[in-house]
């Protein structure tokens, strides 16, 4: 799991991952959201499955994904 407090940190972490996907023939991804659980008035936990496809449309792999979503610009209550 990765905690990316800024867009710069997130971009730096994703570059090698995306390069490895491209080397495998990656074309696109789909996120199948399974659950969205509110944690507070400013945060929620989204879980699902990322399905990755090759450029030719064949399935490349699947991975479980958690996302912690936070409403920016608002103080926690």
PDB file of N, CA and C in Angstrom:
ATOM      1  N   UNK A   1       0.847  -1.164   0.000  1.00  0.00           N
ATOM      2  CA  UNK A   1       0.000   0.000   0.000  1.00  0.00           C
ATOM      3  C   UNK A   1       0.893   1.228   0.000  1.00  0.00           C
ATOM      4  N   UNK A   2       0.418   2.288  -0.613  1.00  0.00           N
ATOM      5  CA  UNK A   2       1.171   3.522  -0.740  1.00  0.00           C
ATOM      6  C   UNK A   2       0.356   4.672  -0.180  1.00  0.00           C
ATOM      7  N   UNK A   3       0.979   5.450   0.677  1.00  0.00           N
ATOM      8  CA  UNK A   3       0.363   6.691   1.136  1.00  0.00           C
ATOM      9  C   UNK A   3       1.031   7.810   0.357  1.00  0.00           C
ATOM     10  N   UNK A   4       0.279   8.502  -0.467  1.00  0.00           N
ATOM     11  CA  UNK A   4       0.821   9.572  -1.298  1.00  0.00           C
ATOM     12  C   UNK A   4       0.208  10.896  -0.849  1.00  0.00           C
ATOM     13  N   UNK A   5       0.929  11.636  -0.013  1.00  0.00           N
ATOM     14  CA  UNK A   5       0.379  12.873   0.520  1.00  0.00           C
ATOM     15  C   UNK A   5       0.300  14.013  -0.498  1.00  0.00           C
ATOM     16  N   UNK A   6       1.043  13.898  -1.599  1.00  0.00           N
ATOM     17  CA  UNK A   6       1.020  14.950  -2.618  1.00  0.00           C
ATOM     18  C   UNK A   6       0.981  14.320  -4.008  1.00  0.00           C
ATOM     19  N   UNK A   7       0.511  15.070  -4.987  1.00  0.00           N
ATOM     20  CA  UNK A   7       0.526  14.558  -6.369  1.00  0.00           C
ATOM     21  C   UNK A   7       1.939  14.217  -6.856  1.00  0.00           C
ATOM     22  N   UNK A   8       2.938  14.952  -6.397  1.00  0.00           N
ATOM     23  CA  UNK A   8       4.322  14.694  -6.799  1.00  0.00           C
ATOM     24  C   UNK A   8       4.791  13.333  -6.302  1.00  0.00           C
ATOM     25  N   UNK A   9       4.469  12.992  -5.068  1.00  0.00           N
ATOM     26  CA  UNK A   9       4.837  11.690  -4.504  1.00  0.00           C
ATOM     27  C   UNK A   9       4.119  10.573  -5.260  1.00  0.00           C
ATOM     28  N   UNK A  10       2.851  10.762  -5.555  1.00  0.00           N
ATOM     29  CA  UNK A  10       2.083   9.768  -6.288  1.00  0.00           C
ATOM     30  C   UNK A  10       2.669   9.538  -7.681  1.00  0.00           C
ATOM     31  N   UNK A  11       2.976  10.619  -8.390  1.00  0.00           N
ATOM     32  CA  UNK A  11       3.534  10.500  -9.741  1.00  0.00           C
ATOM     33  C   UNK A  11       4.868   9.760  -9.716  1.00  0.00           C
ATOM     34  N   UNK A  12       5.731  10.089  -8.767  1.00  0.00           N
ATOM     35  CA  UNK A  12       7.033   9.425  -8.671  1.00  0.00           C
ATOM     36  C   UNK A  12       6.884   7.929  -8.400  1.00  0.00           C
ATOM     37  N   UNK A  13       5.895   7.546  -7.612  1.00  0.00           N
ATOM     38  CA  UNK A  13       5.676   6.131  -7.296  1.00  0.00           C
ATOM     39  C   UNK A  13       5.063   5.379  -8.472  1.00  0.00           C
ATOM     40  N   UNK A  14       4.269   6.050  -9.278  1.00  0.00           N
ATOM     41  CA  UNK A  14       3.569   5.384 -10.373  1.00  0.00           C
ATOM     42  C   UNK A  14       4.409   5.201 -11.634  1.00  0.00           C
ATOM     43  N   UNK A  15       5.428   6.017 -11.832  1.00  0.00           N
ATOM     44  CA  UNK A  15       6.238   5.925 -13.056  1.00  0.00           C
ATOM     45  C   UNK A  15       6.793   4.521 -13.273  1.00  0.00           C
ATOM     46  N   UNK A  16       7.503   3.904 -12.310  1.00  0.00           N
ATOM     47  CA  UNK A  16       8.031   2.554 -12.566  1.00  0.00           C
ATOM     48  C   UNK A  16       6.933   1.501 -12.734  1.00  0.00           C
ATOM     49  N   UNK A  17       5.826   1.669 -12.057  1.00  0.00           N
ATOM     50  CA  UNK A  17       4.713   0.726 -12.189  1.00  0.00           C
ATOM     51  C   UNK A  17       4.145   0.782 -13.606  1.00  0.00           C
ATOM     52  N   UNK A  18       3.894   1.985 -14.094  1.00  0.00           N
ATOM     53  CA  UNK A  18       3.338   2.139 -15.437  1.00  0.00           C
ATOM     54  C   UNK A  18       4.320   1.660 -16.504  1.00  0.00           C
ATOM     55  N   UNK A  19       5.611   1.882 -16.301  1.00  0.00           N
ATOM     56  CA  UNK A  19       6.611   1.387 -17.249  1.00  0.00           C
ATOM     57  C   UNK A  19       6.599  -0.139 -17.303  1.00  0.00           C
ATOM     58  N   UNK A  20       6.429  -0.793 -16.158  1.00  0.00           N
ATOM     59  CA  UNK A  20       6.376  -2.262 -16.153  1.00  0.00           C
ATOM     60  C   UNK A  20       5.105  -2.768 -16.838  1.00  0.00           C
ATOM     61  N   UNK A  21       3.992  -2.055 -16.680  1.00  0.00           N
ATOM     62  CA  UNK A  21       2.759  -2.427 -17.374  1.00  0.00           C
ATOM     63  C   UNK A  21       2.954  -2.333 -18.889  1.00  0.00           C
ATOM     64  N   UNK A  22       3.543  -1.230 -19.341  1.00  0.00           N
ATOM     65  CA  UNK A  22       3.756  -1.043 -20.780  1.00  0.00           C
ATOM     66  C   UNK A  22       4.637  -2.144 -21.350  1.00  0.00           C
ATOM     67  N   UNK A  23       5.623  -2.585 -20.593  1.00  0.00           N
ATOM     68  CA  UNK A  23       6.513  -3.656 -21.047  1.00  0.00           C
ATOM     69  C   UNK A  23       5.754  -4.971 -21.245  1.00  0.00           C
ATOM     70  N   UNK A  24       4.633  -5.120 -20.544  1.00  0.00           N
ATOM     71  CA  UNK A  24       3.811  -6.334 -20.660  1.00  0.00           C
ATOM     72  C   UNK A  24       2.709  -6.185 -21.704  1.00  0.00           C
ATOM     73  N   UNK A  25       2.660  -5.048 -22.396  1.00  0.00           N
ATOM     74  CA  UNK A  25       1.638  -4.839 -23.417  1.00  0.00           C
ATOM     75  C   UNK A  25       0.372  -4.194 -22.908  1.00  0.00           C
ATOM     76  N   UNK A  26       0.445  -3.537 -21.753  1.00  0.00           N
ATOM     77  CA  UNK A  26      -0.721  -2.893 -21.141  1.00  0.00           C
ATOM     78  C   UNK A  26      -1.368  -1.892 -22.079  1.00  0.00           C
ATOM     79  N   UNK A  27      -2.710  -1.910 -22.084  1.00  0.00           N
ATOM     80  CA  UNK A  27      -3.458  -0.963 -22.890  1.00  0.00           C
ATOM     81  C   UNK A  27      -4.406  -0.080 -22.103  1.00  0.00           C
ATOM     82  N   UNK A  28      -5.112  -0.688 -21.144  1.00  0.00           N
ATOM     83  CA  UNK A  28      -6.093   0.085 -20.362  1.00  0.00           C
ATOM     84  C   UNK A  28      -6.465  -0.677 -19.100  1.00  0.00           C
ATOM     85  N   UNK A  29      -7.170   0.022 -18.201  1.00  0.00           N
ATOM     86  CA  UNK A  29      -7.669  -0.573 -16.959  1.00  0.00           C
ATOM     87  C   UNK A  29      -9.129  -0.231 -16.767  1.00  0.00           C
ATOM     88  N   UNK A  30      -9.803  -1.078 -16.005  1.00  0.00           N
ATOM     89  CA  UNK A  30     -11.158  -0.801 -15.545  1.00  0.00           C
ATOM     90  C   UNK A  30     -11.176  -1.029 -14.042  1.00  0.00           C
ATOM     91  N   UNK A  31     -11.891  -0.185 -13.328  1.00  0.00           N
ATOM     92  CA  UNK A  31     -12.058  -0.376 -11.891  1.00  0.00           C
ATOM     93  C   UNK A  31     -13.488  -0.808 -11.635  1.00  0.00           C
ATOM     94  N   UNK A  32     -13.625  -1.986 -11.071  1.00  0.00           N
ATOM     95  CA  UNK A  32     -14.939  -2.481 -10.659  1.00  0.00           C
ATOM     96  C   UNK A  32     -15.071  -2.197  -9.170  1.00  0.00           C
ATOM     97  N   UNK A  33     -15.770  -1.116  -8.852  1.00  0.00           N
ATOM     98  CA  UNK A  33     -15.948  -0.699  -7.465  1.00  0.00           C
ATOM     99  C   UNK A  33     -16.887  -1.676  -6.772  1.00  0.00           C
ATOM    100  N   UNK A  34     -16.442  -2.241  -5.653  1.00  0.00           N
ATOM    101  CA  UNK A  34     -17.246  -3.219  -4.908  1.00  0.00           C
ATOM    102  C   UNK A  34     -17.946  -2.602  -3.705  1.00  0.00           C
ATOM    103  N   UNK A  35     -17.263  -1.658  -3.064  1.00  0.00           N
ATOM    104  CA  UNK A  35     -17.817  -1.111  -1.831  1.00  0.00           C
ATOM    105  C   UNK A  35     -17.291   0.301  -1.614  1.00  0.00           C
ATOM    106  N   UNK A  36     -18.152   1.183  -1.142  1.00  0.00           N
ATOM    107  CA  UNK A  36     -17.764   2.522  -0.741  1.00  0.00           C
ATOM    108  C   UNK A  36     -18.276   2.715   0.674  1.00  0.00           C
ATOM    109  N   UNK A  37     -17.345   2.811   1.606  1.00  0.00           N
ATOM    110  CA  UNK A  37     -17.703   2.879   3.018  1.00  0.00           C
ATOM    111  C   UNK A  37     -17.327   4.235   3.600  1.00  0.00           C
ATOM    112  N   UNK A  38     -18.310   5.037   3.997  1.00  0.00           N
ATOM    113  CA  UNK A  38     -17.993   6.319   4.639  1.00  0.00           C
ATOM    114  C   UNK A  38     -17.262   6.078   5.957  1.00  0.00           C
ATOM    115  N   UNK A  39     -16.209   6.853   6.191  1.00  0.00           N
ATOM    116  CA  UNK A  39     -15.457   6.757   7.441  1.00  0.00           C
ATOM    117  C   UNK A  39     -15.723   7.961   8.338  1.00  0.00           C
ATOM    118  N   UNK A  40     -16.006   9.075   7.713  1.00  0.00           N
ATOM    119  CA  UNK A  40     -16.321  10.305   8.440  1.00  0.00           C
ATOM    120  C   UNK A  40     -17.022  11.240   7.460  1.00  0.00           C
ATOM    121  N   UNK A  41     -17.234  12.490   7.868  1.00  0.00           N
ATOM    122  CA  UNK A  41     -17.869  13.450   6.952  1.00  0.00           C
ATOM    123  C   UNK A  41     -16.920  13.896   5.848  1.00  0.00           C
ATOM    124  N   UNK A  42     -15.627  13.579   5.966  1.00  0.00           N
ATOM    125  CA  UNK A  42     -14.651  14.007   4.966  1.00  0.00           C
ATOM    126  C   UNK A  42     -13.846  12.865   4.359  1.00  0.00           C
ATOM    127  N   UNK A  43     -14.124  11.620   4.735  1.00  0.00           N
ATOM    128  CA  UNK A  43     -13.324  10.504   4.231  1.00  0.00           C
ATOM    129  C   UNK A  43     -14.193   9.275   3.964  1.00  0.00           C
ATOM    130  N   UNK A  44     -13.744   8.491   2.981  1.00  0.00           N
ATOM    131  CA  UNK A  44     -14.426   7.237   2.656  1.00  0.00           C
ATOM    132  C   UNK A  44     -13.385   6.239   2.153  1.00  0.00           C
ATOM    133  N   UNK A  45     -13.684   4.966   2.330  1.00  0.00           N
ATOM    134  CA  UNK A  45     -12.827   3.904   1.842  1.00  0.00           C
ATOM    135  C   UNK A  45     -13.537   3.217   0.681  1.00  0.00           C
ATOM    136  N   UNK A  46     -12.895   3.241  -0.487  1.00  0.00           N
ATOM    137  CA  UNK A  46     -13.427   2.567  -1.674  1.00  0.00           C
ATOM    138  C   UNK A  46     -12.581   1.326  -1.917  1.00  0.00           C
ATOM    139  N   UNK A  47     -13.236   0.197  -2.151  1.00  0.00           N
ATOM    140  CA  UNK A  47     -12.515  -1.033  -2.474  1.00  0.00           C
ATOM    141  C   UNK A  47     -13.105  -1.626  -3.745  1.00  0.00           C
ATOM    142  N   UNK A  48     -12.247  -2.294  -4.480  1.00  0.00           N
ATOM    143  CA  UNK A  48     -12.705  -2.880  -5.722  1.00  0.00           C
ATOM    144  C   UNK A  48     -11.629  -3.739  -6.352  1.00  0.00           C
ATOM    145  N   UNK A  49     -11.823  -4.034  -7.623  1.00  0.00           N
ATOM    146  CA  UNK A  49     -10.890  -4.853  -8.383  1.00  0.00           C
ATOM    147  C   UNK A  49     -10.496  -4.088  -9.643  1.00  0.00           C
ATOM    148  N   UNK A  50      -9.195  -3.906  -9.841  1.00  0.00           N
ATOM    149  CA  UNK A  50      -8.690  -3.317 -11.076  1.00  0.00           C
ATOM    150  C   UNK A  50      -8.450  -4.452 -12.058  1.00  0.00           C
ATOM    151  N   UNK A  51      -9.057  -4.351 -13.231  1.00  0.00           N
ATOM    152  CA  UNK A  51      -8.846  -5.329 -14.294  1.00  0.00           C
ATOM    153  C   UNK A  51      -8.029  -4.616 -15.366  1.00  0.00           C
ATOM    154  N   UNK A  52      -6.861  -5.176 -15.654  1.00  0.00           N
ATOM    155  CA  UNK A  52      -5.969  -4.567 -16.642  1.00  0.00           C
ATOM    156  C   UNK A  52      -6.000  -5.395 -17.922  1.00  0.00           C
ATOM    157  N   UNK A  53      -5.988  -4.680 -19.042  1.00  0.00           N
ATOM    158  CA  UNK A  53      -6.067  -5.323 -20.352  1.00  0.00           C
ATOM    159  C   UNK A  53      -4.864  -4.951 -21.202  1.00  0.00           C
ATOM    160  N   UNK A  54      -4.475  -5.876 -22.067  1.00  0.00           N
ATOM    161  CA  UNK A  54      -3.424  -5.601 -23.043  1.00  0.00           C
ATOM    162  C   UNK A  54      -3.995  -4.726 -24.155  1.00  0.00           C
ATOM    163  N   UNK A  55      -3.107  -4.213 -24.991  1.00  0.00           N
ATOM    164  CA  UNK A  55      -3.514  -3.375 -26.115  1.00  0.00           C
ATOM    165  C   UNK A  55      -4.485  -4.127 -27.025  1.00  0.00           C
ATOM    166  N   UNK A  56      -4.315  -5.446 -27.165  1.00  0.00           N
ATOM    167  CA  UNK A  56      -5.186  -6.238 -28.047  1.00  0.00           C
ATOM    168  C   UNK A  56      -6.517  -6.633 -27.393  1.00  0.00           C
ATOM    169  N   UNK A  57      -6.753  -6.197 -26.148  1.00  0.00           N
ATOM    170  CA  UNK A  57      -8.014  -6.472 -25.469  1.00  0.00           C
ATOM    171  C   UNK A  57      -8.006  -7.683 -24.559  1.00  0.00           C
ATOM    172  N   UNK A  58      -6.944  -8.494 -24.596  1.00  0.00           N
ATOM    173  CA  UNK A  58      -6.859  -9.655 -23.703  1.00  0.00           C
ATOM    174  C   UNK A  58      -6.604  -9.185 -22.268  1.00  0.00           C
ATOM    175  N   UNK A  59      -7.199  -9.900 -21.317  1.00  0.00           N
ATOM    176  CA  UNK A  59      -6.984  -9.559 -19.912  1.00  0.00           C
ATOM    177  C   UNK A  59      -5.537  -9.842 -19.523  1.00  0.00           C
ATOM    178  N   UNK A  60      -4.911  -8.874 -18.883  1.00  0.00           N
ATOM    179  CA  UNK A  60      -3.533  -8.989 -18.433  1.00  0.00           C
ATOM    180  C   UNK A  60      -3.470  -9.501 -17.001  1.00  0.00           C
ATOM    181  N   UNK A  61      -4.212  -8.861 -16.100  1.00  0.00           N
ATOM    182  CA  UNK A  61      -4.270  -9.309 -14.713  1.00  0.00           C
ATOM    183  C   UNK A  61      -5.390  -8.603 -13.970  1.00  0.00           C
ATOM    184  N   UNK A  62      -5.561  -9.019 -12.711  1.00  0.00           N
ATOM    185  CA  UNK A  62      -6.534  -8.403 -11.801  1.00  0.00           C
ATOM    186  C   UNK A  62      -5.842  -8.154 -10.475  1.00  0.00           C
ATOM    187  N   UNK A  63      -6.250  -7.082  -9.817  1.00  0.00           N
ATOM    188  CA  UNK A  63      -5.668  -6.767  -8.514  1.00  0.00           C
ATOM    189  C   UNK A  63      -6.716  -6.097  -7.636  1.00  0.00           C
ATOM    190  N   UNK A  64      -6.759  -6.495  -6.379  1.00  0.00           N
ATOM    191  CA  UNK A  64      -7.624  -5.820  -5.423  1.00  0.00           C
ATOM    192  C   UNK A  64      -7.042  -4.451  -5.109  1.00  0.00           C
ATOM    193  N   UNK A  65      -7.907  -3.447  -5.036  1.00  0.00           N
ATOM    194  CA  UNK A  65      -7.421  -2.090  -4.785  1.00  0.00           C
ATOM    195  C   UNK A  65      -8.251  -1.397  -3.712  1.00  0.00           C
ATOM    196  N   UNK A  66      -7.565  -0.823  -2.731  1.00  0.00           N
ATOM    197  CA  UNK A  66      -8.239   0.043  -1.762  1.00  0.00           C
ATOM    198  C   UNK A  66      -7.863   1.501  -2.048  1.00  0.00           C
ATOM    199  N   UNK A  67      -8.809   2.400  -1.946  1.00  0.00           N
ATOM    200  CA  UNK A  67      -8.544   3.825  -2.083  1.00  0.00           C
ATOM    201  C   UNK A  67      -9.136   4.533  -0.878  1.00  0.00           C
ATOM    202  N   UNK A  68      -8.339   5.361  -0.237  1.00  0.00           N
ATOM    203  CA  UNK A  68      -8.834   6.218   0.828  1.00  0.00           C
ATOM    204  C   UNK A  68      -9.093   7.572   0.192  1.00  0.00           C
ATOM    205  N   UNK A  69     -10.349   7.984   0.182  1.00  0.00           N
ATOM    206  CA  UNK A  69     -10.745   9.240  -0.434  1.00  0.00           C
ATOM    207  C   UNK A  69     -10.994  10.278   0.649  1.00  0.00           C
ATOM    208  N   UNK A  70     -10.470  11.478   0.412  1.00  0.00           N
ATOM    209  CA  UNK A  70     -10.618  12.543   1.388  1.00  0.00           C
ATOM    210  C   UNK A  70     -11.123  13.788   0.674  1.00  0.00           C
ATOM    211  N   UNK A  71     -12.103  14.429   1.232  1.00  0.00           N
ATOM    212  CA  UNK A  71     -12.632  15.672   0.690  1.00  0.00           C
ATOM    213  C   UNK A  71     -11.649  16.785   0.996  1.00  0.00           C
ATOM    214  N   UNK A  72     -11.042  17.336  -0.023  1.00  0.00           N
ATOM    215  CA  UNK A  72     -10.018  18.383   0.156  1.00  0.00           C
ATOM    216  C   UNK A  72     -10.656  19.731   0.446  1.00  0.00           C
ATOM    217  N   UNK A  73      -9.915  20.557   1.154  1.00  0.00           N
ATOM    218  CA  UNK A  73     -10.357  21.908   1.418  1.00  0.00           C
ATOM    219  C   UNK A  73     -11.414  22.026   2.485  1.00  0.00           C
ATOM    220  N   UNK A  74     -11.560  20.988   3.300  1.00  0.00           N
ATOM    221  CA  UNK A  74     -12.583  21.008   4.351  1.00  0.00           C
ATOM    222  C   UNK A  74     -11.969  20.434   5.620  1.00  0.00           C
ATOM    223  N   UNK A  75     -12.210  21.056   6.724  1.00  0.00           N
ATOM    224  CA  UNK A  75     -11.703  20.571   8.007  1.00  0.00           C
ATOM    225  C   UNK A  75     -12.484  19.347   8.455  1.00  0.00           C
ATOM    226  N   UNK A  76     -11.802  18.379   9.073  1.00  0.00           N
ATOM    227  CA  UNK A  76     -12.531  17.229   9.626  1.00  0.00           C
ATOM    228  C   UNK A  76     -13.508  17.676  10.693  1.00  0.00           C
ATOM    229  N   UNK A  77     -14.632  16.974  10.803  1.00  0.00           N
ATOM    230  CA  UNK A  77     -15.613  17.328  11.850  1.00  0.00           C
ATOM    231  C   UNK A  77     -15.690  16.264  12.899  1.00  0.00           C
TER     232      UNK A  77
END
